[in-house]
Amino acid sequence: MSAIYRVFSKEIREGVTHHFLFKIDRGKSLRDSYTEYEQSIRDLKTWGTSKGYTFRSITALAYHQLVEILKHHHFHETVHIGGNDYYRWAKNPLEHPLATKDQGYRWVDCTTDISTLETKHVANMLMKVNDYAVNNFMQLMRRRISILERPLVTARGDGKSYIYANFNPKYAQYAVTILRTYYNFCMTYKWGGNRVTPAQSLGITEKVFSMKDIIYFK
């Protein structure tokens, strides 16, 4: 959060960039998560019928329910300081009406001021909040950095093998920093019909960097 607020300080002050939090209960099993997913669909269908919606799209029903919830739910609160009113993050997450198959129910929150945005616009943004990009990087990190790889099950199946576990937190941090830099500025993926890096898609840079650009950066 600190890094995001530093990099996008101007955009956040101008109200054109917003920071959302995505929270899940990682203690749930996949079976429990799928059960919650099925229950959320049933609840959305029941809610849609009671509201008179005739379309069958679960995603559309979740969007409309978010619009209704946001009429009464607030991510920020007003505080009075020195005779002036200020908006402050209330740390009041909202339970998303549509659970996912692998994570179950999830909670979303917004740390930046969205009081000037229309409710429908906020609901549309909340529908897109997820942790897929973070999970993708974590999986890539485990595959590319052997010392962070999960333990392997032994051939007999009665224990775990830590053959790659020459773990040293100091050098692990170095390796993660190098990989994160390469991932954000050098490694491209398909986005909008073009091959771009995460830094390009966020508007931080306008080009794909090479390893030489990073190593000899001045």
Protein backbone atom coordinates (compact mmCIF):
# COMPACT_ATOMS: atom_id res chain seq x y z
CA MET A 1 0.00 0.00 0.00
CA SER A 2 2.83 2.39 0.87
CA ALA A 3 4.50 1.81 -2.52
CA ILE A 4 1.22 2.31 -4.41
CA TYR A 5 0.49 5.56 -2.61
CA ARG A 6 4.00 6.85 -3.40
CA VAL A 7 4.00 5.90 -7.09
CA PHE A 8 0.46 7.10 -7.80
CA SER A 9 0.29 9.97 -5.28
CA LYS A 10 -0.75 12.56 -7.89
CA GLU A 11 -3.38 10.33 -9.49
CA ILE A 12 -4.85 9.38 -6.10
CA ARG A 13 -5.08 13.05 -5.05
CA GLU A 14 -6.84 13.87 -8.32
CA GLY A 15 -9.28 10.99 -7.82
CA VAL A 16 -8.43 9.14 -11.04
CA THR A 17 -6.70 6.16 -9.41
CA HIS A 18 -8.15 3.97 -6.65
CA HIS A 19 -6.77 1.23 -4.46
CA PHE A 20 -8.91 -1.78 -3.56
CA LEU A 21 -8.28 -4.56 -1.07
CA PHE A 22 -9.28 -8.17 -1.70
CA LYS A 23 -9.63 -10.44 1.33
CA ILE A 24 -10.39 -14.16 1.60
CA ASP A 25 -10.33 -16.85 4.27
CA ARG A 26 -7.37 -19.05 3.29
CA GLY A 27 -8.28 -21.60 5.96
CA LYS A 28 -11.19 -22.97 3.92
CA SER A 29 -10.90 -26.14 1.89
CA LEU A 30 -11.70 -26.23 -1.83
CA ARG A 31 -14.81 -28.24 -1.03
CA ASP A 32 -16.07 -25.60 1.41
CA SER A 33 -15.27 -22.85 -1.10
CA TYR A 34 -17.27 -24.57 -3.83
CA THR A 35 -20.18 -25.06 -1.43
CA GLU A 36 -20.17 -21.32 -0.69
CA TYR A 37 -20.01 -20.60 -4.43
CA GLU A 38 -23.13 -22.70 -5.07
CA GLN A 39 -24.91 -21.08 -2.11
CA SER A 40 -24.11 -17.58 -3.40
CA ILE A 41 -25.68 -18.45 -6.76
CA ARG A 42 -28.85 -19.68 -5.07
CA ASP A 43 -29.01 -16.55 -2.93
CA LEU A 44 -28.52 -14.28 -5.96
CA LYS A 45 -31.27 -16.05 -7.91
CA THR A 46 -33.65 -15.74 -4.96
CA TRP A 47 -32.79 -12.06 -4.58
CA GLY A 48 -33.19 -11.43 -8.31
CA THR A 49 -36.62 -13.05 -8.34
CA SER A 50 -37.76 -10.95 -5.37
CA LYS A 51 -36.59 -7.78 -7.17
CA GLY A 52 -38.32 -8.72 -10.42
CA TYR A 53 -35.20 -9.24 -12.55
CA THR A 54 -35.90 -11.54 -15.49
CA PHE A 55 -32.36 -12.09 -16.85
CA ARG A 56 -30.46 -15.20 -15.80
CA SER A 57 -26.90 -13.85 -15.74
CA ILE A 58 -25.40 -14.43 -12.28
CA THR A 59 -22.75 -11.79 -12.89
CA ALA A 60 -25.42 -9.21 -13.78
CA LEU A 61 -27.40 -10.10 -10.66
CA ALA A 62 -24.27 -9.68 -8.51
CA TYR A 63 -23.66 -6.27 -10.09
CA HIS A 64 -27.21 -5.07 -9.39
CA GLN A 65 -27.05 -6.34 -5.82
CA LEU A 66 -23.79 -4.44 -5.30
CA VAL A 67 -25.51 -1.28 -6.54
CA GLU A 68 -28.22 -1.79 -3.92
CA ILE A 69 -25.72 -2.54 -1.14
CA LEU A 70 -23.60 0.52 -1.94
CA LYS A 71 -26.56 2.80 -1.32
CA HIS A 72 -26.10 2.06 2.39
CA HIS A 73 -22.52 0.77 2.66
CA HIS A 74 -19.65 3.24 2.97
CA PHE A 75 -15.92 2.56 2.75
CA HIS A 76 -15.09 5.97 4.26
CA GLU A 77 -16.33 7.98 7.19
CA THR A 78 -16.43 11.72 7.85
CA VAL A 79 -14.23 13.14 10.60
CA HIS A 80 -14.30 16.71 11.92
CA ILE A 81 -10.88 18.32 12.44
CA GLY A 82 -10.37 22.02 13.10
CA GLY A 83 -13.85 22.92 11.92
CA ASN A 84 -13.38 21.08 8.61
CA ASP A 85 -14.77 17.76 7.39
CA TYR A 86 -12.43 15.09 6.01
CA TYR A 87 -13.00 11.63 4.59
CA ARG A 88 -11.12 8.81 6.32
CA TRP A 89 -10.83 5.15 5.37
CA ALA A 90 -13.29 3.36 7.67
CA LYS A 91 -11.81 -0.14 7.23
CA ASN A 92 -15.31 -1.39 6.51
CA PRO A 93 -15.01 -4.22 3.95
CA LEU A 94 -18.01 -5.40 1.97
CA GLU A 95 -18.83 -9.06 1.41
CA HIS A 96 -19.01 -9.69 -2.33
CA PRO A 97 -22.38 -11.24 -3.26
CA LEU A 98 -20.82 -13.69 -5.72
CA ALA A 99 -18.40 -16.22 -4.23
CA THR A 100 -15.76 -18.00 -6.34
CA LYS A 101 -15.31 -21.74 -6.83
CA ASP A 102 -11.81 -21.86 -5.36
CA GLN A 103 -12.01 -19.12 -2.70
CA GLY A 104 -15.62 -19.03 -1.55
CA TYR A 105 -16.94 -15.78 -0.12
CA ARG A 106 -14.57 -12.82 -0.39
CA TRP A 107 -14.50 -9.29 0.97
CA VAL A 108 -13.60 -6.11 -0.90
CA ASP A 109 -12.59 -2.74 0.46
CA CYS A 110 -11.39 0.59 -0.95
CA THR A 111 -8.73 2.69 0.77
CA THR A 112 -9.02 5.74 -1.53
CA ASP A 113 -11.82 8.32 -1.56
CA ILE A 114 -14.59 7.33 -4.00
CA SER A 115 -17.27 9.66 -2.60
CA THR A 116 -17.46 11.59 -5.89
CA LEU A 117 -18.08 8.50 -8.03
CA GLU A 118 -21.49 7.21 -9.05
CA THR A 119 -22.70 4.08 -7.27
CA LYS A 120 -22.95 2.14 -10.55
CA HIS A 121 -19.35 2.98 -11.41
CA VAL A 122 -18.11 1.80 -8.01
CA ALA A 123 -20.13 -1.43 -8.34
CA ASN A 124 -18.58 -2.04 -11.76
CA MET A 125 -15.09 -1.61 -10.31
CA LEU A 126 -15.84 -3.94 -7.39
CA MET A 127 -16.93 -6.63 -9.86
CA LYS A 128 -13.40 -6.57 -11.31
CA VAL A 129 -11.48 -6.70 -8.01
CA ASN A 130 -9.56 -9.98 -7.61
CA ASP A 131 -6.15 -11.34 -6.64
CA TYR A 132 -5.38 -13.20 -9.87
CA ALA A 133 -2.35 -11.04 -10.74
CA VAL A 134 -0.87 -11.50 -7.26
CA ASN A 135 -1.47 -15.27 -7.32
CA ASN A 136 0.11 -15.51 -10.76
CA PHE A 137 3.26 -13.75 -9.51
CA MET A 138 3.43 -15.94 -6.39
CA GLN A 139 3.21 -19.11 -8.51
CA LEU A 140 5.85 -17.76 -10.88
CA MET A 141 8.09 -16.93 -7.93
CA ARG A 142 7.85 -20.46 -6.54
CA ARG A 143 8.65 -21.97 -9.95
CA ARG A 144 11.55 -19.65 -10.79
CA ILE A 145 13.23 -19.54 -7.35
CA SER A 146 14.07 -23.08 -6.22
CA ILE A 147 14.77 -22.15 -2.57
CA LEU A 148 11.14 -21.03 -2.26
CA GLU A 149 9.72 -24.15 -3.88
CA ARG A 150 7.23 -26.20 -1.84
CA PRO A 151 8.62 -29.43 -0.31
CA LEU A 152 8.29 -32.57 -2.44
CA VAL A 153 6.59 -35.74 -1.22
CA THR A 154 9.07 -38.61 -0.92
CA ALA A 155 8.80 -41.65 -3.19
CA ARG A 156 7.40 -43.77 -0.34
CA GLY A 157 4.79 -41.13 0.40
CA ASP A 158 5.59 -41.13 4.10
CA GLY A 159 7.35 -37.79 4.32
CA LYS A 160 8.53 -34.64 2.57
CA SER A 161 11.76 -33.93 0.81
CA TYR A 162 13.46 -30.56 1.18
CA ILE A 163 16.19 -31.13 -1.43
CA TYR A 164 15.86 -27.49 -2.62
CA ALA A 165 15.56 -26.02 0.87
CA ASN A 166 18.92 -24.23 1.13
CA PHE A 167 16.84 -21.36 2.44
CA ASN A 168 18.44 -18.13 3.55
CA PRO A 169 16.01 -15.21 4.06
CA LYS A 170 18.62 -12.65 3.01
CA TYR A 171 19.31 -14.20 -0.38
CA ALA A 172 15.67 -15.16 -0.86
CA GLN A 173 14.79 -11.47 -0.56
CA TYR A 174 17.46 -10.59 -3.14
CA ALA A 175 16.11 -13.22 -5.55
CA VAL A 176 12.49 -12.09 -5.12
CA THR A 177 13.48 -8.45 -5.73
CA ILE A 178 15.30 -9.38 -8.95
CA LEU A 179 12.37 -11.49 -10.15
CA ARG A 180 9.83 -8.80 -9.26
CA THR A 181 11.77 -6.20 -11.24
CA TYR A 182 12.06 -8.52 -14.25
CA TYR A 183 8.37 -9.46 -13.99
CA ASN A 184 7.13 -5.85 -13.86
CA PHE A 185 9.45 -4.21 -16.42
CA CYS A 186 10.78 -6.91 -18.76
CA MET A 187 8.31 -9.82 -18.92
CA THR A 188 5.43 -9.18 -21.34
CA TYR A 189 1.95 -10.63 -21.61
CA LYS A 190 -0.92 -10.14 -24.06
CA TRP A 191 -3.09 -7.14 -23.15
CA GLY A 192 -5.43 -5.26 -25.48
CA GLY A 193 -4.00 -7.01 -28.54
CA ASN A 194 -0.40 -6.03 -27.71
CA ARG A 195 2.48 -7.53 -25.76
CA VAL A 196 3.12 -5.28 -22.75
CA THR A 197 4.68 -5.47 -19.31
CA PRO A 198 2.70 -4.90 -16.08
CA ALA A 199 4.47 -1.52 -15.73
CA GLN A 200 3.25 -0.50 -19.19
CA SER A 201 -0.33 -1.56 -18.49
CA LEU A 202 -0.30 0.62 -15.35
CA GLY A 203 1.13 3.59 -17.23
CA ILE A 204 4.39 3.69 -15.25
CA THR A 205 6.59 3.24 -18.35
CA GLU A 206 6.14 3.37 -22.12
CA LYS A 207 8.59 0.67 -23.20
CA VAL A 208 9.69 -2.89 -22.52
CA PHE A 209 12.97 -2.88 -20.60
CA SER A 210 15.76 -5.36 -21.23
CA MET A 211 17.95 -6.86 -18.52
CA LYS A 212 20.78 -4.55 -19.64
CA ASP A 213 18.50 -1.54 -19.13
CA ILE A 214 17.92 -2.67 -15.53
CA ILE A 215 21.49 -3.65 -14.71
CA TYR A 216 23.05 -0.48 -16.15
CA PHE A 217 20.23 1.83 -15.09
CA LYS A 218 21.41 5.35 -14.22
